[in-house]
Protein backbone atom coordinates (compact mmCIF):
# COMPACT_ATOMS: atom_id res chain seq x y z
CA UNK A 1 -53.40 -26.42 -110.86
CA UNK A 2 -49.82 -25.66 -109.81
CA UNK A 3 -50.72 -21.98 -109.37
CA UNK A 4 -53.68 -22.91 -107.16
CA UNK A 5 -51.54 -25.17 -104.99
CA UNK A 6 -48.83 -22.53 -104.76
CA UNK A 7 -51.38 -19.86 -103.86
CA UNK A 8 -52.85 -22.14 -101.18
CA UNK A 9 -49.40 -22.88 -99.76
CA UNK A 10 -48.50 -19.18 -99.70
CA UNK A 11 -51.80 -18.40 -98.00
CA UNK A 12 -51.01 -21.01 -95.33
CA UNK A 13 -47.56 -19.56 -94.76
CA UNK A 14 -48.98 -16.05 -94.50
CA UNK A 15 -51.62 -17.21 -92.04
CA UNK A 16 -49.00 -18.94 -89.89
CA UNK A 17 -46.86 -15.79 -89.95
CA UNK A 18 -49.81 -13.64 -88.92
CA UNK A 19 -50.67 -16.02 -86.07
CA UNK A 20 -47.06 -15.93 -84.90
CA UNK A 21 -47.04 -12.14 -84.97
CA UNK A 22 -50.34 -12.07 -83.11
CA UNK A 23 -48.85 -14.34 -80.47
CA UNK A 24 -45.84 -12.04 -80.08
CA UNK A 25 -48.11 -9.01 -79.87
CA UNK A 26 -50.29 -10.70 -77.28
CA UNK A 27 -47.25 -11.60 -75.14
CA UNK A 28 -46.00 -8.03 -75.49
CA UNK A 29 -49.31 -6.76 -74.12
CA UNK A 30 -48.85 -8.70 -70.88
CA UNK A 31 -47.22 -7.04 -67.88
CA UNK A 32 -43.63 -8.25 -67.45
CA UNK A 33 -42.15 -9.29 -64.11
CA UNK A 34 -38.51 -10.20 -63.58
CA UNK A 35 -37.93 -12.99 -61.07
CA UNK A 36 -34.46 -14.11 -60.02
CA UNK A 37 -34.17 -17.50 -58.32
CA UNK A 38 -31.48 -18.56 -55.87
CA UNK A 39 -30.54 -21.60 -57.95
CA UNK A 40 -33.32 -22.28 -60.40
CA UNK A 41 -32.32 -25.93 -60.99
CA UNK A 42 -32.51 -26.85 -57.28
CA UNK A 43 -35.42 -29.08 -56.35
CA UNK A 44 -36.55 -26.72 -53.58
CA UNK A 45 -37.06 -24.02 -56.23
CA UNK A 46 -38.54 -26.15 -59.04
CA UNK A 47 -42.04 -24.54 -58.94
CA UNK A 48 -40.77 -21.35 -60.61
CA UNK A 49 -39.62 -23.12 -63.78
CA UNK A 50 -42.47 -25.62 -63.64
CA UNK A 51 -45.00 -22.77 -63.76
CA UNK A 52 -43.31 -21.57 -66.97
CA UNK A 53 -43.22 -25.07 -68.47
CA UNK A 54 -46.93 -25.57 -67.74
CA UNK A 55 -47.80 -22.20 -69.26
CA UNK A 56 -49.39 -20.92 -66.06
CA UNK A 57 -47.77 -17.47 -66.09
CA UNK A 58 -49.23 -16.69 -69.50
CA UNK A 59 -52.53 -18.31 -68.49
CA UNK A 60 -52.87 -15.85 -65.64
CA UNK A 61 -51.89 -12.91 -67.81
CA UNK A 62 -48.28 -12.14 -66.93
CA UNK A 63 -44.95 -12.50 -68.68
CA UNK A 64 -42.41 -13.71 -66.10
CA UNK A 65 -38.75 -13.46 -67.05
CA UNK A 66 -36.87 -16.02 -64.97
CA UNK A 67 -33.18 -15.84 -64.15
CA UNK A 68 -30.88 -17.53 -61.67
CA UNK A 69 -28.22 -16.12 -59.39
CA UNK A 70 -24.65 -16.98 -60.29
CA UNK A 71 -21.78 -18.09 -58.05
CA UNK A 72 -19.93 -14.99 -56.94
CA UNK A 73 -22.73 -12.75 -58.21
CA UNK A 74 -25.52 -10.82 -56.53
CA UNK A 75 -27.87 -13.01 -54.52
CA UNK A 76 -31.53 -13.08 -55.57
CA UNK A 77 -32.61 -11.53 -52.26
CA UNK A 78 -30.15 -8.64 -52.63
CA UNK A 79 -31.18 -8.14 -56.25
CA UNK A 80 -34.82 -7.60 -55.25
CA UNK A 81 -33.87 -5.06 -52.58
CA UNK A 82 -31.71 -3.08 -54.99
CA UNK A 83 -34.39 -3.12 -57.68
CA UNK A 84 -32.40 -5.26 -60.13
CA UNK A 85 -35.32 -7.70 -60.16
CA UNK A 86 -39.00 -7.30 -59.28
CA UNK A 87 -39.27 -10.55 -57.34
CA UNK A 88 -36.92 -13.13 -55.90
CA UNK A 89 -37.23 -16.86 -55.42
CA UNK A 90 -35.35 -17.09 -52.13
CA UNK A 91 -35.64 -18.15 -48.50
CA UNK A 92 -38.30 -16.43 -46.39
CA UNK A 93 -35.72 -15.75 -43.65
CA UNK A 94 -34.34 -12.87 -45.73
CA UNK A 95 -37.54 -10.90 -45.09
CA UNK A 96 -36.70 -10.96 -41.37
CA UNK A 97 -33.08 -10.02 -41.96
CA UNK A 98 -34.04 -7.11 -44.21
CA UNK A 99 -36.56 -5.75 -41.71
CA UNK A 100 -33.78 -5.55 -39.13
CA UNK A 101 -31.86 -3.42 -41.64
CA UNK A 102 -34.80 -1.12 -42.33
CA UNK A 103 -35.79 -2.72 -45.63
CA UNK A 104 -39.42 -3.61 -46.36
CA UNK A 105 -39.32 -7.00 -48.08
CA UNK A 106 -42.23 -9.43 -47.79
CA UNK A 107 -42.98 -13.02 -48.66
CA UNK A 108 -46.04 -13.13 -50.94
CA UNK A 109 -46.27 -16.91 -51.49
CA UNK A 110 -44.71 -19.76 -49.57
CA UNK A 111 -43.55 -22.76 -51.58
CA UNK A 112 -42.00 -24.97 -48.93
CA UNK A 113 -42.34 -25.82 -45.24
CA UNK A 114 -38.79 -27.15 -44.98
CA UNK A 115 -35.36 -26.12 -46.29
CA UNK A 116 -34.99 -29.17 -48.51
CA UNK A 117 -31.65 -29.78 -46.81
CA UNK A 118 -30.16 -32.92 -45.30
CA UNK A 119 -27.17 -33.13 -43.02
CA UNK A 120 -25.08 -35.83 -44.68
CA UNK A 121 -22.40 -37.57 -42.64
CA UNK A 122 -19.35 -39.47 -43.81
CA UNK A 123 -19.61 -43.21 -44.25
CA UNK A 124 -18.31 -44.97 -41.15
CA UNK A 125 -18.64 -41.88 -38.94
CA UNK A 126 -21.66 -43.29 -37.10
CA UNK A 127 -23.07 -39.79 -36.58
CA UNK A 128 -26.75 -40.00 -35.68
CA UNK A 129 -27.36 -36.81 -33.68
CA UNK A 130 -25.73 -33.37 -33.42
CA UNK A 131 -23.89 -34.45 -30.27
CA UNK A 132 -21.94 -36.91 -32.41
CA UNK A 133 -20.17 -34.16 -34.38
CA UNK A 134 -18.85 -32.44 -31.26
CA UNK A 135 -15.19 -31.52 -31.76
CA UNK A 136 -15.38 -32.19 -35.51
CA UNK A 137 -15.94 -30.23 -38.74
CA UNK A 138 -19.37 -29.62 -40.25
CA UNK A 139 -19.68 -28.37 -43.83
CA UNK A 140 -22.01 -25.48 -44.76
CA UNK A 141 -22.62 -23.48 -47.94
CA UNK A 142 -20.86 -20.42 -46.55
CA UNK A 143 -20.22 -18.62 -43.27
CA UNK A 144 -23.37 -16.76 -42.24
CA UNK A 145 -25.52 -18.55 -44.82
CA UNK A 146 -28.90 -20.11 -44.14
CA UNK A 147 -27.26 -23.54 -43.95
CA UNK A 148 -24.81 -22.20 -41.35
CA UNK A 149 -27.77 -20.91 -39.31
CA UNK A 150 -29.52 -24.28 -39.51
CA UNK A 151 -26.46 -26.18 -38.27
CA UNK A 152 -26.10 -23.69 -35.42
CA UNK A 153 -29.72 -24.11 -34.41
CA UNK A 154 -29.76 -27.89 -34.63
CA UNK A 155 -26.60 -27.86 -32.50
CA UNK A 156 -28.06 -25.41 -29.99
CA UNK A 157 -31.07 -27.67 -29.45
CA UNK A 158 -28.51 -30.33 -28.50
CA UNK A 159 -26.98 -27.89 -25.93
CA UNK A 160 -24.00 -27.11 -28.17
CA UNK A 161 -22.51 -23.85 -29.46
CA UNK A 162 -20.25 -23.06 -32.43
CA UNK A 163 -17.31 -23.59 -30.07
CA UNK A 164 -18.20 -27.28 -29.92
CA UNK A 165 -17.56 -27.93 -33.62
CA UNK A 166 -15.68 -26.42 -36.56
CA UNK A 167 -17.60 -24.73 -39.36
CA UNK A 168 -16.21 -25.72 -42.77
CA UNK A 169 -17.10 -23.81 -45.95
CA UNK A 170 -17.87 -26.65 -48.37
CA UNK A 171 -20.47 -25.12 -50.72
CA UNK A 172 -22.28 -27.92 -52.66
CA UNK A 173 -21.68 -30.46 -55.39
CA UNK A 174 -18.12 -31.70 -55.85
CA UNK A 175 -16.66 -29.53 -53.06
CA UNK A 176 -19.10 -30.87 -50.47
CA UNK A 177 -18.47 -34.42 -51.67
CA UNK A 178 -14.70 -33.91 -51.38
CA UNK A 179 -15.04 -32.45 -47.86
CA UNK A 180 -16.74 -35.64 -46.67
CA UNK A 181 -14.62 -38.01 -48.71
CA UNK A 182 -11.26 -36.64 -47.57
CA UNK A 183 -12.17 -35.97 -43.95
CA UNK A 184 -12.28 -32.19 -44.03
CA UNK A 185 -15.77 -32.42 -42.52
CA UNK A 186 -17.47 -35.29 -40.76
CA UNK A 187 -20.88 -33.99 -41.87
CA UNK A 188 -22.22 -31.41 -44.31
CA UNK A 189 -25.57 -29.80 -44.97
CA UNK A 190 -26.74 -29.84 -48.59
CA UNK A 191 -29.66 -30.38 -50.97
CA UNK A 192 -30.45 -32.46 -54.02
CA UNK A 193 -28.77 -33.38 -56.32
CA UNK A 194 -25.68 -33.34 -54.05
CA UNK A 195 -27.46 -35.57 -51.52
CA UNK A 196 -28.04 -38.20 -54.17
CA UNK A 197 -24.44 -38.01 -55.42
CA UNK A 198 -23.06 -38.48 -51.89
CA UNK A 199 -25.19 -41.58 -51.41
CA UNK A 200 -24.48 -42.96 -54.88
CA UNK A 201 -20.73 -42.62 -54.43
CA UNK A 202 -20.89 -44.22 -51.00
CA UNK A 203 -19.28 -41.14 -49.46
CA UNK A 204 -21.97 -40.55 -46.86
CA UNK A 205 -25.53 -40.99 -45.63
CA UNK A 206 -28.43 -38.84 -44.46
CA UNK A 207 -28.22 -38.41 -40.70
CA UNK A 208 -30.58 -35.48 -40.14
CA UNK A 209 -33.56 -34.79 -42.41
CA UNK A 210 -34.40 -31.12 -42.88
CA UNK A 211 -35.99 -31.73 -46.26
CA UNK A 212 -39.56 -32.52 -45.18
CA UNK A 213 -42.14 -31.12 -42.81
CA UNK A 214 -41.86 -34.09 -40.48
CA UNK A 215 -38.09 -33.80 -40.44
CA UNK A 216 -38.00 -30.14 -39.45
CA UNK A 217 -40.62 -30.65 -36.77
CA UNK A 218 -38.30 -33.23 -35.21
CA UNK A 219 -35.01 -31.34 -35.51
CA UNK A 220 -36.11 -27.70 -35.49
CA UNK A 221 -39.26 -27.91 -33.39
CA UNK A 222 -41.71 -26.78 -36.08
CA UNK A 223 -42.25 -26.01 -39.74
CA UNK A 224 -39.41 -23.93 -41.17
CA UNK A 225 -40.76 -22.04 -44.20
CA UNK A 226 -38.03 -21.71 -46.78
CA UNK A 227 -38.57 -21.28 -50.54
CA UNK A 228 -40.68 -18.16 -50.99
CA UNK A 229 -41.49 -15.40 -53.45
CA UNK A 230 -40.04 -12.20 -52.02
CA UNK A 231 -40.78 -8.66 -53.19
CA UNK A 232 -40.36 -5.14 -51.92
CA UNK A 233 -43.42 -3.91 -50.05
CA UNK A 234 -43.60 -0.67 -52.04
CA UNK A 235 -43.40 -2.54 -55.36
CA UNK A 236 -46.24 -4.85 -54.35
CA UNK A 237 -48.38 -1.90 -53.24
CA UNK A 238 -47.94 -0.25 -56.65
CA UNK A 239 -48.41 -3.47 -58.66
CA UNK A 240 -51.17 -5.39 -56.89
CA UNK A 241 -52.85 -6.73 -60.03
CA UNK A 242 -49.57 -7.95 -61.49
CA UNK A 243 -48.53 -9.44 -58.14
CA UNK A 244 -51.82 -11.34 -58.03
CA UNK A 245 -51.23 -12.77 -61.50
CA UNK A 246 -47.82 -14.14 -60.53
CA UNK A 247 -49.07 -15.58 -57.25
CA UNK A 248 -52.09 -17.18 -58.94
CA UNK A 249 -49.77 -18.89 -61.42
CA UNK A 250 -47.59 -20.21 -58.61
CA UNK A 251 -50.55 -21.36 -56.51
CA UNK A 252 -51.94 -23.32 -59.47
CA UNK A 253 -48.46 -24.84 -59.91
CA UNK A 254 -48.30 -25.88 -56.25
CA UNK A 255 -51.66 -27.65 -56.53
CA UNK A 256 -50.43 -29.30 -59.75
CA UNK A 257 -47.38 -30.59 -57.89
CA UNK A 258 -49.64 -31.94 -55.14
CA UNK A 259 -51.73 -33.95 -57.60
CA UNK A 260 -48.96 -35.29 -59.84
CA UNK A 261 -46.16 -37.79 -59.33
CA UNK A 262 -42.48 -36.98 -59.10
CA UNK A 263 -41.99 -38.59 -62.51
CA UNK A 264 -44.71 -36.42 -64.08
CA UNK A 265 -43.13 -33.31 -62.54
CA UNK A 266 -39.68 -34.26 -63.84
CA UNK A 267 -41.07 -34.74 -67.34
CA UNK A 268 -42.14 -31.09 -67.39
CA UNK A 269 -38.74 -29.69 -66.33
CA UNK A 270 -35.77 -28.91 -68.60
CA UNK A 271 -33.59 -31.93 -69.29
CA UNK A 272 -30.50 -30.43 -67.65
CA UNK A 273 -32.47 -29.89 -64.42
CA UNK A 274 -33.23 -33.57 -63.97
CA UNK A 275 -30.20 -35.17 -65.59
CA UNK A 276 -26.68 -33.88 -64.96
CA UNK A 277 -23.23 -35.07 -63.81
CA UNK A 278 -24.51 -35.49 -60.25
CA UNK A 279 -27.76 -37.31 -60.96
CA UNK A 280 -29.59 -39.41 -63.53
CA UNK A 281 -33.24 -38.67 -64.23
CA UNK A 282 -34.25 -41.84 -62.39
CA UNK A 283 -32.28 -40.74 -59.33
CA UNK A 284 -33.74 -37.23 -59.57
CA UNK A 285 -37.26 -38.65 -59.57
CA UNK A 286 -36.49 -40.92 -56.62
CA UNK A 287 -35.10 -37.99 -54.62
CA UNK A 288 -38.06 -35.77 -55.51
CA UNK A 289 -40.47 -38.50 -54.49
CA UNK A 290 -38.77 -38.65 -51.07
CA UNK A 291 -38.76 -34.88 -50.52
CA UNK A 292 -41.99 -33.89 -52.28
CA UNK A 293 -43.61 -33.39 -48.86
CA UNK A 294 -41.76 -30.10 -48.45
CA UNK A 295 -44.04 -28.35 -50.97
CA UNK A 296 -47.13 -26.52 -49.71
CA UNK A 297 -50.15 -27.17 -51.94
CA UNK A 298 -51.99 -23.91 -51.15
CA UNK A 299 -48.79 -21.79 -50.81
CA UNK A 300 -49.99 -20.42 -47.46
CA UNK A 301 -47.49 -19.49 -44.77
CA UNK A 302 -47.47 -22.42 -42.29
CA UNK A 303 -48.93 -21.50 -38.92
CA UNK A 304 -46.09 -20.89 -36.47
CA UNK A 305 -43.52 -21.08 -39.26
CA UNK A 306 -42.26 -17.49 -39.03
CA UNK A 307 -41.66 -17.89 -35.29
CA UNK A 308 -39.59 -21.04 -35.87
CA UNK A 309 -37.48 -19.17 -38.42
CA UNK A 310 -37.05 -16.29 -35.96
CA UNK A 311 -35.96 -18.74 -33.26
CA UNK A 312 -33.29 -20.14 -35.59
CA UNK A 313 -32.06 -16.63 -36.33
CA UNK A 314 -31.88 -15.81 -32.64
CA UNK A 315 -29.86 -18.95 -31.97
CA UNK A 316 -27.52 -17.92 -34.78
CA UNK A 317 -26.97 -14.55 -33.08
CA UNK A 318 -28.46 -12.58 -35.98
CA UNK A 319 -31.30 -10.82 -34.17
CA UNK A 320 -30.24 -7.45 -32.78
CA UNK A 321 -33.61 -5.76 -32.50
CA UNK A 322 -37.38 -6.20 -32.45
CA UNK A 323 -38.99 -8.07 -35.35
CA UNK A 324 -42.61 -7.51 -36.39
CA UNK A 325 -43.26 -10.93 -37.94
CA UNK A 326 -46.71 -10.14 -39.46
CA UNK A 327 -45.03 -7.48 -41.59
CA UNK A 328 -42.57 -9.96 -43.13
CA UNK A 329 -45.18 -11.84 -45.16
CA UNK A 330 -48.74 -11.69 -46.45
CA UNK A 331 -51.27 -14.38 -47.35
CA UNK A 332 -53.51 -11.85 -49.12
CA UNK A 333 -52.62 -12.86 -52.67
CA UNK A 334 -52.47 -16.58 -51.92
CA UNK A 335 -55.93 -16.55 -50.36
CA UNK A 336 -57.34 -14.76 -53.41
CA UNK A 337 -55.59 -17.18 -55.77
CA UNK A 338 -57.02 -20.23 -54.03
CA UNK A 339 -60.49 -18.69 -54.24
CA UNK A 340 -60.10 -17.86 -57.94
CA UNK A 341 -58.91 -21.39 -58.69
CA UNK A 342 -61.79 -22.95 -56.78
CA UNK A 343 -59.74 -24.61 -54.04
CA UNK A 344 -61.59 -22.73 -51.28
CA UNK A 345 -64.97 -21.02 -51.16
């Protein structure tokens, strides 16, 4: 009897081992795509990891290797241009910038219609509009960054130039909090979880909302497509089937986000994404619930969005030539994905 039980147990172990090996072999058979994200734990970029957590990449037949850019390292957008990564999770605006420098980079799926940013102003400052920070310091991620461009554009719509305020490099997290707390900047542009930390500590409040579609329409004049999947045009042309698999996985993820609560989304993300020194899980969920409107369910480029982005770039003084906007993005793969998934006929 013991020998029978032992034989049965060994058979079970062998079967499990064979199934595991089969799973590895199956994964190895899938095409592999490397995708670097410009801060994978940021809420604006959560769909990339969520797609992995939900198993959608494998479901659509592709092995996606996710990575995140590091402080002081190569940015995700630069990594895709240099060929260090196949795709980048980065702001759509980079496609415009690269075209001006003779580089063919395109957005193949659009995740958000807003930057996910808020301009937070110091408690007691009474700043309500851009005019109120005239003659004072405003914190941005870095000089020449997308956040710098946004502050410039919001200011320009209020008839102000960079001469009317001081640009302060405050990055995010503790450095942005310190800039507001100790008076280095009266306001600062940042995302979650820094926004939540500023409010929780009583250091500041949200004065200008650039985290939702409605907010950007008010302060920027239209949808401002931000989080995007970027890839080199030549790479996409040579890897259309693989590109479609990645986009289909992301499109299914975007629809999943649209039909699930912030709490359900948070439950599918890594613990350190939703709970860290700046935010508890409860606070993360609350913030995501507020800003969930930035995500685009069908991942289509918002109509008029590229022009709004171009207008911001012009106001920032970054446009020194002609830009062919239709060549900076494509809806081809997103349209096909929505058809495959049954969301459109």
